[in-house]
Amino acid sequence: MSPRVSIGMPVYNGERYLRESLDALLAQTFQDFELIISDNASTDETEAICRAYAARDARIRYFRNATNLGAAHNYNRVFELSTAPYFKWAASDDLCAPECLACCVEALDREPAAVLAYPKTKIIDEYGTMLCVYDDHMHLQSARPSARLKHLMQALGECNAVFGLIRSDILRRTPLIGRYPGSDICLLAELSLYGKFWEIPEFLFFRRNHPAASSSDKSIEKQMEFFDPTDKALVRLTKWRHCFEDARSIWRVPLSFPEKARAGAFLFRFAIWNRKKLASELWFATQQLAHKLFFSSARNSESTER
C-alpha cells in the first residue's frame, strides 16, 4: 500500500547537515510517508550516511546518480520516483518541526481547493541559530487564478513555499523544476493558477542560510552550474526566460478564456513595470556575447596562423 506522503530529498555533498535534516524528517508526528533520497554523485560522506539511514528505516529509498546531473534534474528525479498523492521537497540542510508534515496534510485534506500547504519560516544560520523570521505572504485564497498569480508575483521573495506539501497530481501537470535559475519561482506561479496556497500559521520550517548554500552565491554562472552543469550557453537571459515560462504556464493551464486574458494582461503589465531590468539584462547579454565572439574569433585566427 502506497504511503500518503512522499518526501523527496535531492542531495550533493551534504554531509555537514544531512544527519540533522534526516533526523528531523524521521521525527515527524505524521509517519505515513516515504523518503526518497537522490544523491548527485557526492564525493563526501553523503553516500555512507544515506545508506546507513536507509538500512535502519524501510521508509527510506536511496538512489545515486553516476555523475552530477545538476540540481534541476535531481529535484525532478525524486518526484518522478515518488508514489504518494502528496509530495514534499526537502533540502538536505533545512529543518522541519515535528508537527510540520501533520499540519500540512491536515490542511490539504481539509481544503480541496488548495494545491499547496506550507508553514511559516524562520531563517537559521549554519549553527542553527535563528537569524530572522521570514513572512512569505503566500496565503493565496482568491477564487480567481489571475488574482492568485498577481498576489504571488507581487509578494514573492524567497521561494520557501516550494518546500511545502503539494498535490502530486497537480505537480505532475507542470514542467517541474526547470534547468535555469529561478525556475522554482515559475513553478510556484504555475501552481497558483491551479489552486489556492494554504499557509500554516505556525513557524514549522527552518531554512538554513550558510556559506555553502546554493542560494548564497547569486552570480548567474554559479547558479547555472548548480541547476545544470552541462549548460554551455554563451549568454543567459534569466529574467526574459521567466517571462516566457510564465506566459507558457498561462497558455498551458486549463483556464477560462477571461481568466487567461486577465492573467496575460497582468503578466504584460508586470513586464512593463520591470522593463528597466529586462532592458539591462538584454544589453548586458549583448555585450557579453560580442565579447565572447570576439575573443573566440581571435583565438581561432591565432590557431590558423600557427
Protein backbone atom coordinates (compact mmCIF):
# COMPACT_ATOMS: atom_id res chain seq x y z
CA MET A 1 0.00 0.00 0.00
CA SER A 2 1.39 3.40 -1.00
CA PRO A 3 2.08 5.98 1.71
CA ARG A 4 0.07 9.19 1.87
CA VAL A 5 3.14 11.43 1.55
CA SER A 6 6.34 11.23 -0.47
CA ILE A 7 9.29 13.33 0.67
CA GLY A 8 11.99 13.87 -1.93
CA MET A 9 15.48 14.88 -0.83
CA PRO A 10 17.94 15.75 -3.61
CA VAL A 11 21.45 15.98 -2.19
CA TYR A 12 25.01 16.74 -3.25
CA ASN A 13 27.90 16.77 -0.75
CA GLY A 14 25.53 17.40 2.12
CA GLU A 15 27.38 15.58 4.90
CA ARG A 16 27.57 18.54 7.30
CA TYR A 17 23.83 18.95 7.90
CA LEU A 18 22.43 15.73 6.43
CA ARG A 19 22.03 13.75 9.64
CA GLU A 20 20.26 16.61 11.38
CA SER A 21 17.87 17.07 8.43
CA LEU A 22 17.11 13.34 8.19
CA ASP A 23 16.53 13.10 11.95
CA ALA A 24 14.06 16.00 11.77
CA LEU A 25 12.10 14.27 8.99
CA LEU A 26 12.07 10.89 10.72
CA ALA A 27 10.84 12.58 13.93
CA GLN A 28 7.63 13.84 12.26
CA THR A 29 4.44 13.14 14.20
CA PHE A 30 2.87 12.14 10.86
CA GLN A 31 4.60 8.88 10.00
CA ASP A 32 2.84 7.60 6.86
CA PHE A 33 5.48 8.71 4.37
CA GLU A 34 8.30 7.51 2.17
CA LEU A 35 11.60 9.37 1.97
CA ILE A 36 13.31 9.28 -1.41
CA ILE A 37 16.94 10.42 -1.49
CA SER A 38 18.71 11.05 -4.80
CA ASP A 39 22.44 11.60 -4.42
CA ASN A 40 24.02 13.62 -7.25
CA ALA A 41 27.33 11.69 -7.20
CA SER A 42 28.52 13.19 -3.91
CA THR A 43 32.24 12.98 -3.17
CA ASP A 44 32.00 13.36 0.63
CA GLU A 45 30.38 11.07 3.25
CA THR A 46 26.85 11.65 1.93
CA GLU A 47 26.53 8.16 0.44
CA ALA A 48 27.63 6.40 3.62
CA ILE A 49 25.25 8.46 5.75
CA CYS A 50 22.29 7.80 3.46
CA ARG A 51 22.94 4.08 3.21
CA ALA A 52 23.21 3.81 6.99
CA TYR A 53 19.85 5.56 7.49
CA ALA A 54 18.19 3.51 4.72
CA ALA A 55 19.44 0.28 6.32
CA ARG A 56 17.60 1.01 9.56
CA ASP A 57 14.39 2.61 8.24
CA ALA A 58 12.40 0.86 5.50
CA ARG A 59 10.66 4.11 4.53
CA ILE A 60 13.91 5.46 3.08
CA ARG A 61 14.85 4.70 -0.53
CA TYR A 62 18.34 5.77 -1.62
CA PHE A 63 19.43 6.34 -5.22
CA ARG A 64 22.76 7.59 -6.51
CA ASN A 65 23.45 9.21 -9.89
CA ALA A 66 26.63 8.13 -11.68
CA THR A 67 27.53 11.78 -12.35
CA ASN A 68 26.40 15.18 -11.10
CA LEU A 69 23.43 15.96 -13.35
CA GLY A 70 22.60 19.27 -11.68
CA ALA A 71 20.05 20.27 -9.08
CA ALA A 72 17.14 20.61 -11.53
CA HIS A 73 17.47 17.01 -12.71
CA ASN A 74 17.89 15.76 -9.15
CA TYR A 75 14.87 17.67 -7.80
CA ASN A 76 12.74 16.28 -10.62
CA ARG A 77 14.10 12.77 -10.16
CA VAL A 78 12.92 12.46 -6.56
CA PHE A 79 9.41 13.46 -7.63
CA GLU A 80 9.42 11.04 -10.56
CA LEU A 81 10.33 8.24 -8.11
CA SER A 82 7.52 9.17 -5.70
CA THR A 83 4.28 7.23 -5.28
CA ALA A 84 2.09 9.19 -2.83
CA PRO A 85 -0.79 11.61 -3.51
CA TYR A 86 1.03 14.35 -1.57
CA PHE A 87 4.65 15.35 -2.25
CA LYS A 88 7.21 17.48 -0.44
CA TRP A 89 10.74 18.50 -1.41
CA ALA A 90 13.21 18.61 1.47
CA ALA A 91 16.67 20.17 1.24
CA SER A 92 19.50 18.33 2.98
CA ASP A 93 20.40 21.35 5.13
CA ASP A 94 16.95 22.61 6.22
CA LEU A 95 14.89 21.50 9.22
CA CYS A 96 11.21 20.83 9.89
CA ALA A 97 9.48 20.91 13.28
CA PRO A 98 7.89 17.58 14.29
CA GLU A 99 4.37 18.85 13.54
CA CYS A 100 5.20 20.25 10.09
CA LEU A 101 4.04 17.34 7.97
CA ALA A 102 0.92 16.66 10.05
CA CYS A 103 -0.25 20.28 9.78
CA CYS A 104 0.28 20.38 6.01
CA VAL A 105 -1.52 17.06 5.47
CA GLU A 106 -4.43 18.25 7.60
CA ALA A 107 -4.69 21.47 5.57
CA LEU A 108 -4.76 19.69 2.18
CA ASP A 109 -7.22 17.10 3.48
CA ARG A 110 -9.49 19.88 4.73
CA GLU A 111 -9.14 22.28 1.80
CA PRO A 112 -9.80 20.53 -1.55
CA ALA A 113 -9.24 23.78 -3.48
CA ALA A 114 -5.69 24.11 -2.09
CA VAL A 115 -2.86 22.67 -4.19
CA LEU A 116 -0.08 23.55 -1.74
CA ALA A 117 0.21 23.92 2.04
CA TYR A 118 3.28 25.35 3.73
CA PRO A 119 4.23 26.55 7.24
CA LYS A 120 5.72 29.88 8.21
CA THR A 121 9.51 30.15 8.01
CA LYS A 122 12.39 31.03 10.28
CA ILE A 123 15.84 31.55 8.76
CA ILE A 124 18.66 29.88 10.70
CA ASP A 125 22.43 30.03 10.32
CA GLU A 126 25.00 27.26 9.95
CA TYR A 127 24.84 26.57 13.70
CA GLY A 128 21.03 26.50 13.90
CA THR A 129 20.73 29.94 15.48
CA MET A 130 17.72 31.92 14.29
CA LEU A 131 18.65 34.86 12.08
CA CYS A 132 15.18 36.22 11.36
CA VAL A 133 11.51 35.46 10.88
CA TYR A 134 10.52 35.46 7.21
CA ASP A 135 6.98 36.33 6.18
CA ASP A 136 6.25 34.68 2.84
CA HIS A 137 2.83 36.33 2.24
CA MET A 138 1.80 33.33 0.12
CA HIS A 139 -1.63 32.61 1.66
CA LEU A 140 -3.33 32.68 -1.75
CA GLN A 141 -7.07 32.42 -1.17
CA SER A 142 -8.71 34.16 -4.12
CA ALA A 143 -11.09 32.04 -6.21
CA ARG A 144 -9.67 33.67 -9.35
CA PRO A 145 -6.43 32.16 -10.73
CA SER A 146 -5.35 35.51 -12.19
CA ALA A 147 -5.67 37.16 -8.77
CA ARG A 148 -3.60 34.43 -7.13
CA LEU A 149 -0.91 34.83 -9.79
CA LYS A 150 -0.87 38.60 -9.27
CA HIS A 151 -0.58 38.20 -5.50
CA LEU A 152 2.28 35.70 -5.83
CA MET A 153 4.33 37.68 -8.34
CA GLN A 154 3.99 40.91 -6.39
CA ALA A 155 4.80 39.38 -2.99
CA LEU A 156 7.29 36.59 -3.73
CA GLY A 157 10.80 36.94 -2.38
CA GLU A 158 12.32 33.71 -1.10
CA CYS A 159 10.72 30.56 -2.51
CA ASN A 160 10.14 28.88 0.85
CA ALA A 161 6.69 27.70 -0.24
CA VAL A 162 8.24 25.34 -2.80
CA PHE A 163 9.24 23.20 0.21
CA GLY A 164 5.61 22.90 1.25
CA LEU A 165 3.32 19.92 0.68
CA ILE A 166 1.95 19.74 -2.89
CA ARG A 167 -0.75 17.64 -4.52
CA SER A 168 1.15 15.19 -6.72
CA ASP A 169 -1.48 15.05 -9.47
CA ILE A 170 -1.25 18.81 -9.93
CA LEU A 171 2.55 18.91 -9.72
CA ARG A 172 2.68 16.21 -12.39
CA ARG A 173 0.96 18.57 -14.86
CA THR A 174 3.78 21.12 -14.60
CA PRO A 175 7.30 21.08 -16.14
CA LEU A 176 8.62 20.76 -12.54
CA ILE A 177 11.97 22.46 -11.84
CA GLY A 178 13.49 23.96 -14.99
CA ARG A 179 17.20 23.93 -15.75
CA TYR A 180 17.64 27.66 -15.22
CA PRO A 181 18.00 29.96 -12.18
CA GLY A 182 14.73 30.94 -10.52
CA SER A 183 12.75 28.10 -12.09
CA ASP A 184 11.18 27.45 -8.67
CA ILE A 185 9.55 30.89 -9.00
CA CYS A 186 7.98 29.86 -12.30
CA LEU A 187 6.81 26.58 -10.80
CA LEU A 188 5.07 28.37 -7.92
CA ALA A 189 3.48 30.77 -10.41
CA GLU A 190 2.04 27.87 -12.39
CA LEU A 191 0.82 26.08 -9.26
CA SER A 192 -1.00 29.26 -8.21
CA LEU A 193 -3.02 29.05 -11.43
CA TYR A 194 -4.18 25.54 -10.49
CA GLY A 195 -5.36 26.29 -6.98
CA LYS A 196 -5.01 28.02 -3.63
CA PHE A 197 -1.95 28.10 -1.36
CA TRP A 198 -2.62 27.48 2.33
CA GLU A 199 -0.27 28.99 4.91
CA ILE A 200 0.05 27.18 8.24
CA PRO A 201 0.23 29.98 10.84
CA GLU A 202 2.92 28.28 12.96
CA PHE A 203 6.67 28.57 12.34
CA LEU A 204 7.47 24.94 11.48
CA PHE A 205 10.04 25.32 8.69
CA PHE A 206 13.65 26.34 9.36
CA ARG A 207 15.58 27.30 6.25
CA ARG A 208 19.33 27.28 6.71
CA ASN A 209 21.40 30.18 5.40
CA HIS A 210 25.08 29.25 5.30
CA PRO A 211 28.13 29.99 3.13
CA ALA A 212 27.97 26.68 1.24
CA ALA A 213 24.28 27.01 0.37
CA SER A 214 23.49 27.23 -3.33
CA SER A 215 21.49 30.42 -2.74
CA SER A 216 24.46 32.20 -1.13
CA ASP A 217 26.18 32.82 -4.49
CA LYS A 218 23.88 34.97 -6.64
CA SER A 219 26.08 35.03 -9.78
CA ILE A 220 24.34 33.69 -12.88
CA GLU A 221 27.32 31.47 -13.70
CA LYS A 222 27.30 29.75 -10.30
CA GLN A 223 23.52 29.43 -10.31
CA MET A 224 23.59 27.84 -13.77
CA GLU A 225 26.32 25.44 -12.66
CA PHE A 226 24.09 24.48 -9.73
CA PHE A 227 20.94 23.95 -11.81
CA ASP A 228 22.55 22.38 -14.87
CA PRO A 229 26.35 21.86 -15.06
CA THR A 230 26.03 20.69 -18.69
CA ASP A 231 24.70 24.07 -19.89
CA LYS A 232 27.20 25.76 -22.21
CA ALA A 233 25.12 28.72 -23.42
CA LEU A 234 27.13 31.79 -24.38
CA VAL A 235 24.66 34.17 -22.69
CA ARG A 236 21.67 33.78 -20.39
CA LEU A 237 18.54 35.91 -20.22
CA THR A 238 17.12 34.72 -16.92
CA LYS A 239 14.52 37.46 -16.44
CA TRP A 240 13.34 37.10 -20.03
CA ARG A 241 13.19 33.33 -19.52
CA HIS A 242 10.92 33.84 -16.50
CA CYS A 243 8.55 35.99 -18.56
CA PHE A 244 8.49 33.39 -21.31
CA GLU A 245 7.86 30.49 -18.93
CA ASP A 246 5.10 32.37 -17.08
CA ALA A 247 3.40 33.06 -20.39
CA ARG A 248 3.65 29.37 -21.30
CA SER A 249 2.05 28.49 -17.96
CA ILE A 250 -0.95 30.70 -18.66
CA TRP A 251 -1.35 29.04 -22.04
CA ARG A 252 -0.85 25.51 -20.64
CA VAL A 253 -3.12 25.58 -17.57
CA PRO A 254 -6.81 24.88 -18.38
CA LEU A 255 -8.32 28.25 -17.51
CA SER A 256 -11.35 30.00 -18.94
CA PHE A 257 -10.61 32.49 -21.71
CA PRO A 258 -11.42 35.53 -19.48
CA GLU A 259 -9.01 34.23 -16.82
CA LYS A 260 -6.27 33.60 -19.38
CA ALA A 261 -6.80 37.15 -20.67
CA ARG A 262 -6.63 38.65 -17.16
CA ALA A 263 -3.53 36.65 -16.25
CA GLY A 264 -1.87 37.53 -19.56
CA ALA A 265 -2.69 41.22 -19.15
CA PHE A 266 -1.15 41.22 -15.67
CA LEU A 267 1.97 39.47 -16.96
CA PHE A 268 2.33 42.10 -19.68
CA ARG A 269 1.98 44.92 -17.11
CA PHE A 270 4.45 43.15 -14.84
CA ALA A 271 6.98 43.10 -17.69
CA ILE A 272 6.39 46.82 -18.28
CA TRP A 273 6.99 47.55 -14.58
CA ASN A 274 10.26 45.63 -14.83
CA ARG A 275 11.29 46.99 -18.24
CA LYS A 276 14.48 48.58 -16.91
CA LYS A 277 15.69 45.26 -15.51
CA LEU A 278 14.73 43.43 -18.70
CA ALA A 279 16.45 46.02 -20.88
CA SER A 280 19.55 45.97 -18.67
CA GLU A 281 19.77 42.19 -18.86
CA LEU A 282 19.40 42.27 -22.64
CA TRP A 283 22.09 44.96 -23.00
CA PHE A 284 24.50 43.12 -20.74
CA ALA A 285 23.88 39.84 -22.61
CA THR A 286 24.55 41.57 -25.96
CA GLN A 287 27.86 42.97 -24.70
CA GLN A 288 28.80 39.60 -23.20
CA LEU A 289 28.03 37.78 -26.44
CA ALA A 290 30.03 40.26 -28.52
CA HIS A 291 32.97 39.93 -26.11
CA LYS A 292 32.93 36.13 -26.24
CA LEU A 293 32.58 36.01 -30.02
CA PHE A 294 35.43 38.50 -30.47
CA PHE A 295 37.87 36.54 -28.32
CA SER A 296 36.75 33.24 -29.84
CA SER A 297 37.44 34.65 -33.32
CA ALA A 298 40.82 35.98 -32.19
CA ARG A 299 41.85 32.59 -30.80
CA ASN A 300 40.78 30.85 -33.99
CA SER A 301 42.84 33.31 -36.06
CA GLU A 302 45.93 32.68 -33.91
CA SER A 303 45.49 28.90 -34.31
CA THR A 304 45.19 29.24 -38.08
CA GLU A 305 48.35 31.37 -38.30
CA ARG A 306 50.32 28.79 -36.37
